């Protein structure tokens, strides 16, 4: 954002500069003293800008050695205003004076046009005035000099100063004029020989733009510098100090503490996946097909591309409606309308706290109030892959095991029982998995996900089938002696949310994803 602001400010300055800066007027002429080129005579050009501010620039006639050094000895006695200092509005009056004399020449500016050659001045020894002409004082006596015509200005000068004015100078095309010294060539002459006469009444024009725009640019530059300093300070405080603290922590902290902090502080934006969503105008049948197709237990409901809520497998199970009902027409309870959203700038620790507080396994991720994706408990668990070896080796013992955290509420159901019986059990809040048996020997499991698959496959005829037809098999169990991080690695292999717990014997309990994550984050909280 700061780069864009700076770019447009610089562009604005360039536009102002190009729009208001005048092209220079280039003038030259020669001064003779009794037909001999006059050397080292100060020649001054006077003019007013658009705001009636007086300006002047001074040069000197060339000496014989200077003319020779420039490659043309005939330029002796010539003066040149071609150093880009003479910038006057087109058509404005320029008065040229010669120090110590009463002679003046008057011409008009020609910005960027042909070089102006002025009438040659021929002086006699008696032609020097006892007092130099003070043009700035003359301008001060004028009430509205910018409104005066050339003739009025000449008449004013003659009447008030009693000074004779030479003929108006003539403009000639460059093609008919003698060769003019380029500005770059004049740079070889010492600076003091092309200086501006110091005077409290003369304000030299050393800028390509007017004073107003110079001041404006200064203000803009100061503002830009100020903004840059503020932004740099902000980002240093926000990121620099965090980086320093984290670096110091990694050096000084216990390795487990450092690893824990890195994990909890990781931004969730790096974990965001494309959201699985559906319009609230769709039917429950559409929602079921989407859940089965993408092997998910939760889908986001949108209204005009805006977040509206969530539909879970459990919501559909509890609905008890015909599957062709539109989502928007379903009663409360079919869609979870909790604000299950989180900003992309949050970290893993904050994402888990949000999931835990609402009891869900998935959150929508927003950025600038726009939904950009989703993050699930499995996404967070995947960031702990490899912790089993690291934490297990460092702690040696003391980690919570599956046996410590499993639920001992095991529900068994014979494979020949009908779906209606299984549905009734799954509707209970504390039942999420049924172990399907044959002669009390485990064959597989039946979950809400299996029920949803049955709805997709058989529709309203689902009740005609028994549990054994839709159960998930083969029967996979988890070892009760695995610690929390080993159990996490096991769960990530198939991404099942629950596993029966057994070790070459009867079913001991059920390991649930939410309980496992709660134990791991409790461990992190103690270590971090």
Protein backbone atom coordinates (compact mmCIF):
# COMPACT_ATOMS: atom_id res chain seq x y z
CA UNK A 1 0.00 0.00 0.00
CA UNK A 2 2.80 2.39 0.97
CA UNK A 3 4.57 1.71 -2.37
CA UNK A 4 1.42 2.61 -4.32
CA UNK A 5 1.00 5.88 -2.40
CA UNK A 6 4.63 6.85 -3.00
CA UNK A 7 4.34 6.03 -6.71
CA UNK A 8 1.27 8.23 -7.22
CA UNK A 9 2.80 11.10 -5.24
CA UNK A 10 5.95 11.01 -7.37
CA UNK A 11 3.82 10.83 -10.51
CA UNK A 12 1.79 13.81 -9.26
CA UNK A 13 4.99 15.80 -8.71
CA UNK A 14 6.27 14.98 -12.20
CA UNK A 15 2.96 16.06 -13.74
CA UNK A 16 3.06 19.37 -11.86
CA UNK A 17 6.65 19.91 -12.88
CA UNK A 18 6.05 19.19 -16.54
CA UNK A 19 2.87 21.25 -16.60
CA UNK A 20 4.28 24.46 -15.08
CA UNK A 21 7.99 24.58 -15.84
CA UNK A 22 8.81 27.00 -18.68
CA UNK A 23 11.34 26.15 -21.36
CA UNK A 24 14.39 28.47 -21.25
CA UNK A 25 14.82 31.43 -23.58
CA UNK A 26 18.30 31.63 -25.14
CA UNK A 27 19.79 35.05 -25.92
CA UNK A 28 23.18 36.24 -27.10
CA UNK A 29 24.80 39.46 -28.31
CA UNK A 30 28.06 41.43 -28.46
CA UNK A 31 29.34 44.54 -26.74
CA UNK A 32 31.94 46.79 -28.45
CA UNK A 33 33.99 49.59 -26.96
CA UNK A 34 35.01 51.90 -29.82
CA UNK A 35 34.61 49.00 -32.25
CA UNK A 36 36.73 46.71 -30.07
CA UNK A 37 35.13 43.70 -28.29
CA UNK A 38 34.50 44.63 -24.63
CA UNK A 39 35.76 41.89 -22.30
CA UNK A 40 34.55 40.94 -18.80
CA UNK A 41 31.56 43.30 -18.85
CA UNK A 42 28.68 42.20 -16.62
CA UNK A 43 25.43 41.75 -18.56
CA UNK A 44 22.16 41.14 -16.69
CA UNK A 45 18.77 39.89 -17.95
CA UNK A 46 15.71 41.01 -15.93
CA UNK A 47 12.14 39.62 -16.10
CA UNK A 48 9.05 38.87 -14.08
CA UNK A 49 7.31 35.49 -13.71
CA UNK A 50 3.55 34.78 -13.74
CA UNK A 51 3.19 35.81 -10.10
CA UNK A 52 4.97 39.19 -10.62
CA UNK A 53 8.09 38.00 -8.80
CA UNK A 54 11.20 39.73 -10.08
CA UNK A 55 14.09 37.60 -11.38
CA UNK A 56 17.54 38.30 -12.79
CA UNK A 57 20.52 36.33 -14.09
CA UNK A 58 23.97 37.69 -14.88
CA UNK A 59 26.82 36.69 -17.17
CA UNK A 60 29.95 38.36 -18.60
CA UNK A 61 31.29 39.03 -22.07
CA UNK A 62 33.99 36.58 -23.13
CA UNK A 63 37.68 37.45 -23.05
CA UNK A 64 40.00 36.69 -25.93
CA UNK A 65 41.47 33.66 -24.18
CA UNK A 66 38.01 32.32 -23.28
CA UNK A 67 36.84 32.71 -26.88
CA UNK A 68 39.96 30.95 -28.13
CA UNK A 69 39.52 28.11 -25.64
CA UNK A 70 35.99 27.63 -27.01
CA UNK A 71 37.39 27.22 -30.53
CA UNK A 72 36.35 30.55 -32.03
CA UNK A 73 38.34 33.70 -31.24
CA UNK A 74 35.67 35.82 -33.00
CA UNK A 75 33.39 35.23 -29.99
CA UNK A 76 35.42 37.73 -27.99
CA UNK A 77 33.09 40.34 -26.44
CA UNK A 78 30.02 38.13 -26.83
CA UNK A 79 27.68 37.25 -23.94
CA UNK A 80 25.37 34.25 -23.78
CA UNK A 81 22.24 33.42 -21.79
CA UNK A 82 21.98 29.73 -22.64
CA UNK A 83 22.45 28.10 -19.25
CA UNK A 84 18.71 27.33 -18.73
CA UNK A 85 18.35 30.01 -16.04
CA UNK A 86 16.35 32.44 -18.15
CA UNK A 87 12.85 30.98 -17.83
CA UNK A 88 10.08 33.45 -18.54
CA UNK A 89 6.52 33.00 -19.76
CA UNK A 90 6.19 33.22 -23.54
CA UNK A 91 5.75 36.82 -24.71
CA UNK A 92 6.86 38.39 -21.43
CA UNK A 93 9.32 41.33 -21.48
CA UNK A 94 13.03 40.75 -20.87
CA UNK A 95 15.28 43.78 -20.21
CA UNK A 96 19.05 43.45 -20.68
CA UNK A 97 21.34 45.92 -18.87
CA UNK A 98 25.09 46.49 -18.98
CA UNK A 99 26.88 47.27 -15.73
CA UNK A 100 28.09 50.84 -15.40
CA UNK A 101 26.23 52.07 -18.50
CA UNK A 102 22.86 53.60 -19.21
CA UNK A 103 22.20 51.25 -22.10
CA UNK A 104 19.34 48.82 -22.07
CA UNK A 105 17.88 46.37 -24.57
CA UNK A 106 14.30 45.11 -24.48
CA UNK A 107 13.09 41.86 -26.06
CA UNK A 108 10.38 39.27 -25.48
CA UNK A 109 10.87 35.71 -24.27
CA UNK A 110 10.80 32.80 -26.69
CA UNK A 111 10.73 29.64 -24.54
CA UNK A 112 12.17 26.64 -26.33
CA UNK A 113 12.20 28.50 -29.67
CA UNK A 114 14.91 29.94 -31.88
CA UNK A 115 17.87 31.62 -30.18
CA UNK A 116 17.40 35.39 -29.91
CA UNK A 117 20.25 37.54 -31.18
CA UNK A 118 20.13 41.08 -29.81
CA UNK A 119 21.45 44.33 -31.26
CA UNK A 120 25.18 44.87 -30.85
CA UNK A 121 25.98 47.56 -28.27
CA UNK A 122 28.76 49.96 -29.22
CA UNK A 123 30.02 52.04 -26.30
CA UNK A 124 32.29 55.05 -26.09
CA UNK A 125 34.35 56.04 -23.08
CA UNK A 126 31.81 58.74 -22.36
CA UNK A 127 28.95 56.30 -22.45
CA UNK A 128 29.38 55.09 -18.85
CA UNK A 129 26.85 56.25 -16.29
CA UNK A 130 27.99 57.42 -12.89
CA UNK A 131 25.50 55.01 -11.27
CA UNK A 132 24.52 51.53 -12.36
CA UNK A 133 20.90 50.96 -13.34
CA UNK A 134 18.89 49.31 -10.54
CA UNK A 135 16.21 47.38 -12.41
CA UNK A 136 14.75 45.78 -9.30
CA UNK A 137 14.02 49.25 -7.87
CA UNK A 138 12.39 50.28 -11.13
CA UNK A 139 10.12 47.23 -11.01
CA UNK A 140 9.15 48.03 -7.44
CA UNK A 141 7.83 51.41 -8.57
CA UNK A 142 5.45 49.80 -11.05
CA UNK A 143 1.95 49.08 -9.74
CA UNK A 144 0.98 46.33 -12.19
CA UNK A 145 4.04 45.57 -14.32
CA UNK A 146 2.61 42.34 -15.63
CA UNK A 147 -0.28 44.22 -17.28
CA UNK A 148 1.97 46.75 -19.10
CA UNK A 149 2.68 46.44 -22.78
CA UNK A 150 6.20 46.62 -24.16
CA UNK A 151 5.65 50.18 -25.36
CA UNK A 152 4.22 51.28 -21.98
CA UNK A 153 7.19 49.79 -20.19
CA UNK A 154 9.64 51.57 -22.48
CA UNK A 155 7.83 54.87 -22.02
CA UNK A 156 7.80 54.43 -18.23
CA UNK A 157 11.52 53.78 -18.18
CA UNK A 158 12.28 56.80 -20.36
CA UNK A 159 10.02 59.16 -18.38
CA UNK A 160 11.03 58.05 -14.89
CA UNK A 161 14.72 57.41 -15.40
CA UNK A 162 15.50 59.76 -18.31
CA UNK A 163 17.44 56.91 -19.93
CA UNK A 164 17.54 56.37 -23.65
CA UNK A 165 16.36 52.99 -24.81
CA UNK A 166 17.93 51.23 -27.73
CA UNK A 167 15.87 49.87 -30.58
CA UNK A 168 13.83 46.78 -29.86
CA UNK A 169 16.02 43.79 -30.58
CA UNK A 170 15.28 41.50 -33.43
CA UNK A 171 14.83 37.70 -33.40
CA UNK A 172 16.70 35.62 -35.94
CA UNK A 173 16.42 31.96 -36.85
CA UNK A 174 19.25 29.78 -35.72
CA UNK A 175 20.06 29.01 -39.33
CA UNK A 176 20.97 32.71 -40.03
CA UNK A 177 22.70 33.33 -36.70
CA UNK A 178 26.40 32.68 -36.03
CA UNK A 179 27.26 29.49 -34.22
CA UNK A 180 26.05 29.61 -30.62
CA UNK A 181 28.07 28.19 -27.74
CA UNK A 182 26.18 25.24 -26.24
CA UNK A 183 25.51 25.32 -22.53
CA UNK A 184 27.81 22.34 -22.03
CA UNK A 185 30.70 24.28 -23.59
CA UNK A 186 30.24 27.21 -21.24
CA UNK A 187 30.69 24.87 -18.30
CA UNK A 188 34.42 25.14 -18.90
CA UNK A 189 34.34 28.80 -17.81
CA UNK A 190 34.77 29.30 -14.05
CA UNK A 191 31.45 29.60 -12.21
CA UNK A 192 32.19 33.02 -10.85
CA UNK A 193 32.32 34.36 -14.40
CA UNK A 194 28.67 33.36 -15.00
CA UNK A 195 27.31 34.27 -11.61
CA UNK A 196 24.16 36.14 -10.60
CA UNK A 197 24.72 39.58 -9.15
CA UNK A 198 24.15 39.41 -5.35
CA UNK A 199 21.57 41.87 -4.15
CA UNK A 200 18.88 41.91 -1.48
CA UNK A 201 16.49 43.27 -4.09
CA UNK A 202 17.15 40.55 -6.67
CA UNK A 203 15.69 37.12 -6.25
CA UNK A 204 17.56 34.74 -8.54
CA UNK A 205 15.65 32.06 -10.34
CA UNK A 206 17.55 28.86 -9.63
CA UNK A 207 14.59 26.54 -10.06
CA UNK A 208 12.74 25.15 -13.08
CA UNK A 209 9.36 25.66 -11.46
CA UNK A 210 7.70 28.47 -9.57
CA UNK A 211 8.11 29.02 -5.85
CA UNK A 212 4.60 27.77 -5.13
CA UNK A 213 5.24 24.36 -6.64
CA UNK A 214 8.73 24.17 -5.10
CA UNK A 215 7.14 24.64 -1.68
CA UNK A 216 4.43 22.12 -2.55
CA UNK A 217 7.03 19.54 -3.55
CA UNK A 218 8.98 20.15 -0.35
CA UNK A 219 5.81 19.57 1.69
CA UNK A 220 4.99 16.39 -0.25
CA UNK A 221 8.54 15.07 0.14
CA UNK A 222 8.45 15.77 3.88
CA UNK A 223 5.09 13.96 4.14
CA UNK A 224 6.42 10.98 2.16
CA UNK A 225 9.53 10.78 4.34
CA UNK A 226 7.37 11.04 7.45
CA UNK A 227 5.06 8.25 6.22
CA UNK A 228 8.06 6.11 5.32
CA UNK A 229 9.54 6.56 8.79
CA UNK A 230 6.20 5.71 10.43
CA UNK A 231 5.70 2.61 8.24
CA UNK A 232 9.26 1.43 8.78
CA UNK A 233 8.88 1.89 12.53
CA UNK A 234 5.56 0.03 12.51
CA UNK A 235 6.87 -2.95 10.56
CA UNK A 236 10.05 -3.06 12.61
CA UNK A 237 8.04 -3.13 15.83
CA UNK A 238 5.55 -5.66 14.43
CA UNK A 239 7.93 -8.05 12.71
CA UNK A 240 11.45 -7.10 13.78
CA UNK A 241 10.88 -7.44 17.49
CA UNK A 242 8.90 -10.66 16.99
CA UNK A 243 11.75 -12.11 14.94
CA UNK A 244 14.33 -11.08 17.54
CA UNK A 245 12.28 -12.55 20.39
CA UNK A 246 11.71 -15.79 18.50
CA UNK A 247 15.38 -16.05 17.56
CA UNK A 248 16.50 -15.45 21.13
CA UNK A 249 13.87 -17.92 22.35
CA UNK A 250 15.11 -20.62 20.02
CA UNK A 251 18.65 -20.11 21.29
CA UNK A 252 17.86 -19.92 24.99
CA UNK A 253 14.71 -22.02 25.39
CA UNK A 254 14.43 -25.73 25.92
CA UNK A 255 14.16 -27.44 22.45
CA UNK A 256 10.65 -28.66 23.22
CA UNK A 257 9.55 -25.16 24.23
CA UNK A 258 11.04 -23.68 21.04
CA UNK A 259 9.37 -26.33 18.86
CA UNK A 260 6.06 -25.77 20.63
CA UNK A 261 6.18 -22.00 20.13
CA UNK A 262 7.01 -22.36 16.44
CA UNK A 263 4.05 -24.72 15.97
CA UNK A 264 1.49 -22.65 17.89
CA UNK A 265 2.54 -19.35 16.27
CA UNK A 266 2.45 -20.60 12.68
CA UNK A 267 -0.08 -18.62 10.61
CA UNK A 268 -3.07 -20.58 9.36
CA UNK A 269 -2.97 -18.87 5.95
CA UNK A 270 -0.33 -21.39 4.91
CA UNK A 271 -2.74 -24.25 5.77
CA UNK A 272 -5.90 -22.95 4.08
CA UNK A 273 -7.58 -25.29 1.60
CA UNK A 274 -10.31 -24.60 -0.92
CA UNK A 275 -13.64 -24.60 0.88
CA UNK A 276 -16.27 -27.28 0.20
CA UNK A 277 -19.45 -25.21 -0.04
CA UNK A 278 -23.04 -25.29 -1.24
CA UNK A 279 -25.73 -22.68 -1.94
CA UNK A 280 -28.62 -22.44 0.53
CA UNK A 281 -30.93 -22.82 -2.52
CA UNK A 282 -29.77 -26.42 -2.99
CA UNK A 283 -31.46 -29.46 -1.42
CA UNK A 284 -30.36 -31.84 1.30
CA UNK A 285 -29.85 -34.44 -1.46
CA UNK A 286 -27.26 -32.10 -3.04
CA UNK A 287 -25.57 -31.66 0.35
CA UNK A 288 -25.45 -35.45 0.89
CA UNK A 289 -23.93 -36.04 -2.57
CA UNK A 290 -21.28 -33.37 -1.87
CA UNK A 291 -20.38 -34.89 1.50
CA UNK A 292 -20.01 -38.38 -0.02
CA UNK A 293 -18.10 -37.18 -3.10
CA UNK A 294 -15.52 -35.13 -1.18
CA UNK A 295 -15.31 -37.49 1.81
CA UNK A 296 -15.98 -34.68 4.26
CA UNK A 297 -18.19 -34.43 7.31
CA UNK A 298 -18.85 -30.69 7.04
CA UNK A 299 -19.78 -28.32 4.20
CA UNK A 300 -20.12 -24.53 4.24
CA UNK A 301 -23.48 -23.01 3.26
CA UNK A 302 -23.35 -19.83 1.18
CA UNK A 303 -25.89 -17.17 0.35
CA UNK A 304 -24.82 -14.98 -2.61
CA UNK A 305 -21.19 -16.08 -2.05
CA UNK A 306 -21.38 -14.96 1.59
CA UNK A 307 -21.00 -17.30 4.57
CA UNK A 308 -24.31 -18.41 6.09
CA UNK A 309 -23.47 -21.48 8.20
CA UNK A 310 -22.39 -25.14 8.25
CA UNK A 311 -24.10 -28.45 7.56
CA UNK A 312 -22.58 -31.53 9.21
CA UNK A 313 -23.30 -35.24 8.92
CA UNK A 314 -24.87 -35.11 12.36
CA UNK A 315 -27.19 -32.26 11.23
CA UNK A 316 -28.50 -34.38 8.35
CA UNK A 317 -28.92 -37.42 10.60
CA UNK A 318 -31.02 -35.42 13.08
CA UNK A 319 -33.10 -33.68 10.40
CA UNK A 320 -35.38 -36.63 9.71
CA UNK A 321 -36.70 -34.89 6.55
CA UNK A 322 -37.09 -35.89 2.97
CA UNK A 323 -33.78 -35.36 1.23
CA UNK A 324 -35.33 -33.25 -1.54
CA UNK A 325 -36.09 -30.42 0.89
CA UNK A 326 -34.24 -27.18 0.12
CA UNK A 327 -31.67 -26.19 2.71
CA UNK A 328 -33.23 -22.75 3.20
CA UNK A 329 -36.58 -24.41 4.01
CA UNK A 330 -35.17 -26.78 6.62
CA UNK A 331 -36.00 -26.09 10.27
CA UNK A 332 -33.44 -24.91 12.80
CA UNK A 333 -30.92 -27.59 13.65
CA UNK A 334 -30.29 -28.76 10.09
CA UNK A 335 -27.71 -26.00 9.64
CA UNK A 336 -25.31 -24.74 12.30
CA UNK A 337 -25.52 -20.96 12.16
CA UNK A 338 -22.65 -20.31 14.55
CA UNK A 339 -20.08 -17.85 13.30
CA UNK A 340 -17.49 -20.51 12.50
CA UNK A 341 -15.07 -18.10 10.82
CA UNK A 342 -11.49 -17.04 11.52
CA UNK A 343 -9.16 -14.42 10.01
CA UNK A 344 -6.31 -15.72 7.85
CA UNK A 345 -3.80 -13.80 9.98
CA UNK A 346 -4.52 -15.89 13.08
CA UNK A 347 -2.17 -18.66 14.20
CA UNK A 348 -2.68 -22.39 14.80
CA UNK A 349 -3.15 -21.93 18.54
CA UNK A 350 -5.95 -19.41 17.99
CA UNK A 351 -7.61 -21.62 15.34
CA UNK A 352 -7.71 -24.59 17.69
CA UNK A 353 -9.12 -22.50 20.53
CA UNK A 354 -11.94 -21.34 18.21
CA UNK A 355 -12.74 -24.90 17.07
CA UNK A 356 -12.69 -26.15 20.65
CA UNK A 357 -15.00 -23.38 21.89
CA UNK A 358 -17.71 -24.16 19.30
CA UNK A 359 -17.20 -27.94 19.29
CA UNK A 360 -16.58 -28.18 15.52
CA UNK A 361 -13.82 -29.74 13.42
CA UNK A 362 -13.71 -27.14 10.68
CA UNK A 363 -13.62 -23.32 10.28
CA UNK A 364 -14.14 -21.02 7.34
CA UNK A 365 -11.15 -18.72 6.75
CA UNK A 366 -11.75 -15.09 5.75
CA UNK A 367 -9.48 -12.32 4.54
CA UNK A 368 -10.75 -8.74 4.23
CA UNK A 369 -14.24 -10.10 5.09
CA UNK A 370 -14.11 -12.47 2.11
CA UNK A 371 -14.18 -16.27 2.42
CA UNK A 372 -10.92 -17.65 0.99
CA UNK A 373 -11.07 -21.29 2.15
CA UNK A 374 -11.29 -23.53 5.18
CA UNK A 375 -9.11 -25.19 7.81
CA UNK A 376 -9.86 -28.46 9.63
CA UNK A 377 -8.56 -30.36 12.65
CA UNK A 378 -6.78 -32.72 10.26
CA UNK A 379 -4.94 -29.73 8.72
CA UNK A 380 -3.72 -28.77 12.19
CA UNK A 381 -2.84 -32.39 13.07
CA UNK A 382 -0.76 -32.67 9.88
CA UNK A 383 1.50 -29.88 11.19
CA UNK A 384 2.39 -32.17 14.11
CA UNK A 385 3.59 -34.98 11.87
CA UNK A 386 7.04 -35.99 13.09
CA UNK A 387 6.45 -34.79 16.65
CA UNK A 388 6.20 -38.42 17.76
CA UNK A 389 9.94 -39.03 17.39
CA UNK A 390 11.01 -35.56 18.51
CA UNK A 391 8.83 -35.29 21.62
CA UNK A 392 9.08 -38.99 22.46
CA UNK A 393 12.88 -38.93 22.50
CA UNK A 394 13.07 -35.69 24.46
CA UNK A 395 10.53 -36.55 27.13
CA UNK A 396 11.30 -40.30 27.38
CA UNK A 397 8.17 -40.83 29.45
CA UNK A 398 5.22 -39.02 30.93
CA UNK A 399 3.23 -38.49 27.71
CA UNK A 400 -0.49 -39.27 27.81
CA UNK A 401 -1.36 -42.58 26.09
CA UNK A 402 -4.41 -43.72 24.15
CA UNK A 403 -5.46 -45.81 27.16
CA UNK A 404 -5.54 -42.64 29.29
CA UNK A 405 -7.77 -40.61 26.99
CA UNK A 406 -10.04 -43.13 25.23
CA UNK A 407 -13.79 -43.19 25.78
CA UNK A 408 -14.95 -46.41 27.39
CA UNK A 409 -18.46 -46.06 26.01
CA UNK A 410 -18.37 -48.85 23.42
CA UNK A 411 -21.61 -49.65 21.57
CA UNK A 412 -21.91 -53.07 19.91
CA UNK A 413 -24.49 -54.05 17.30
CA UNK A 414 -24.99 -57.28 15.40
CA UNK A 415 -24.49 -57.03 11.64
CA UNK A 416 -28.04 -58.27 11.00
CA UNK A 417 -29.68 -55.41 12.89
CA UNK A 418 -31.55 -52.95 10.62
CA UNK A 419 -30.40 -49.44 9.85
CA UNK A 420 -33.23 -47.94 11.85
CA UNK A 421 -31.74 -49.42 15.04
CA UNK A 422 -28.29 -48.04 14.22
CA UNK A 423 -29.77 -44.64 13.35
CA UNK A 424 -31.52 -44.50 16.72
CA UNK A 425 -28.23 -45.17 18.54
CA UNK A 426 -26.26 -42.59 16.49
CA UNK A 427 -28.80 -39.90 17.28
CA UNK A 428 -27.62 -40.00 20.89
CA UNK A 429 -25.14 -37.24 21.69
CA UNK A 430 -22.48 -39.51 23.20
CA UNK A 431 -22.54 -42.13 20.42
CA UNK A 432 -20.57 -41.50 17.23
CA UNK A 433 -19.33 -45.01 16.36
CA UNK A 434 -20.92 -48.46 16.57
CA UNK A 435 -18.79 -51.61 16.53
CA UNK A 436 -20.50 -54.14 14.24
CA UNK A 437 -20.14 -57.76 15.38
CA UNK A 438 -20.98 -61.29 14.42
CA UNK A 439 -21.26 -63.68 17.36
CA UNK A 440 -19.71 -60.89 19.44
CA UNK A 441 -16.63 -60.84 17.21
CA UNK A 442 -15.85 -57.37 15.72
CA UNK A 443 -16.26 -57.19 11.94
CA UNK A 444 -16.30 -53.44 11.27
CA UNK A 445 -17.69 -50.11 12.40
CA UNK A 446 -20.78 -48.09 11.53
CA UNK A 447 -20.67 -44.30 11.78
CA UNK A 448 -22.74 -41.29 10.77
CA UNK A 449 -20.60 -41.12 7.64
CA UNK A 450 -21.66 -44.65 6.70
CA UNK A 451 -25.30 -43.68 7.25
CA UNK A 452 -24.89 -40.68 4.90
CA UNK A 453 -23.33 -42.95 2.24
CA UNK A 454 -26.41 -45.20 2.60
CA UNK A 455 -28.75 -42.23 2.12
CA UNK A 456 -26.87 -41.30 -1.06
CA UNK A 457 -26.98 -44.87 -2.36
CA UNK A 458 -30.46 -46.03 -1.32
CA UNK A 459 -32.38 -42.83 -0.58
CA UNK A 460 -35.73 -43.43 1.11
CA UNK A 461 -35.23 -47.20 0.84
CA UNK A 462 -32.30 -47.12 3.26
CA UNK A 463 -34.34 -48.56 6.12
CA UNK A 464 -34.76 -51.84 4.27
CA UNK A 465 -31.08 -52.72 4.67
CA UNK A 466 -29.17 -54.03 7.66
CA UNK A 467 -26.06 -52.60 9.30
CA UNK A 468 -23.70 -55.22 7.86
CA UNK A 469 -24.35 -53.96 4.32
CA UNK A 470 -23.11 -50.42 5.03
CA UNK A 471 -20.47 -50.93 7.75
CA UNK A 472 -16.86 -49.88 7.15
CA UNK A 473 -14.39 -52.76 7.11
CA UNK A 474 -11.86 -54.24 7.59
CA UNK A 475 -11.87 -53.67 11.31
CA UNK A 476 -8.93 -51.37 12.22
CA UNK A 477 -7.96 -50.74 15.85
CA UNK A 478 -5.38 -48.55 17.59
CA UNK A 479 -2.90 -49.74 20.22
CA UNK A 480 -3.80 -48.42 23.70
CA UNK A 481 -0.12 -47.93 24.62
CA UNK A 482 0.63 -45.34 21.91
CA UNK A 483 1.36 -41.87 23.26
CA UNK A 484 -0.55 -38.85 21.98
CA UNK A 485 1.94 -38.04 19.21
CA UNK A 486 2.24 -41.65 18.06
CA UNK A 487 -1.56 -41.85 18.00
CA UNK A 488 -1.61 -38.67 15.90
CA UNK A 489 0.67 -40.28 13.30
CA UNK A 490 -1.61 -43.33 13.25
CA UNK A 491 -4.77 -41.24 12.77
CA UNK A 492 -3.23 -39.22 9.90
CA UNK A 493 -2.63 -42.35 7.80
CA UNK A 494 -6.33 -42.78 6.89
CA UNK A 495 -7.79 -39.59 8.37
CA UNK A 496 -10.51 -41.46 10.26
CA UNK A 497 -11.96 -39.38 13.09
CA UNK A 498 -12.41 -42.35 15.45
CA UNK A 499 -10.78 -45.74 16.05
CA UNK A 500 -11.68 -48.66 18.30
CA UNK A 501 -8.96 -49.31 20.90
CA UNK A 502 -7.75 -52.89 21.22
CA UNK A 503 -4.57 -54.95 21.60
CA UNK A 504 -5.06 -58.60 20.68
CA UNK A 505 -8.21 -58.82 22.72
CA UNK A 506 -11.58 -57.23 23.46
CA UNK A 507 -12.52 -53.67 22.52
CA UNK A 508 -11.31 -51.40 25.33
CA UNK A 509 -12.72 -48.10 24.17
CA UNK A 510 -12.96 -45.52 21.35
CA UNK A 511 -10.27 -42.96 20.44
CA UNK A 512 -11.84 -39.70 19.20
CA UNK A 513 -10.02 -37.03 17.19
CA UNK A 514 -11.30 -34.16 19.36
CA UNK A 515 -10.07 -35.84 22.55
CA UNK A 516 -6.67 -36.56 21.02
CA UNK A 517 -6.22 -32.93 19.90
CA UNK A 518 -7.34 -31.68 23.31
CA UNK A 519 -4.62 -33.76 25.00
CA UNK A 520 -1.92 -32.59 22.58
CA UNK A 521 -2.80 -28.92 22.97
CA UNK A 522 -2.96 -29.32 26.72
CA UNK A 523 0.60 -30.63 26.54
CA UNK A 524 1.65 -27.67 24.37
CA UNK A 525 0.03 -25.22 26.76
CA UNK A 526 2.11 -26.62 29.64
CA UNK A 527 5.31 -26.57 27.57
CA UNK A 528 4.79 -23.28 25.73
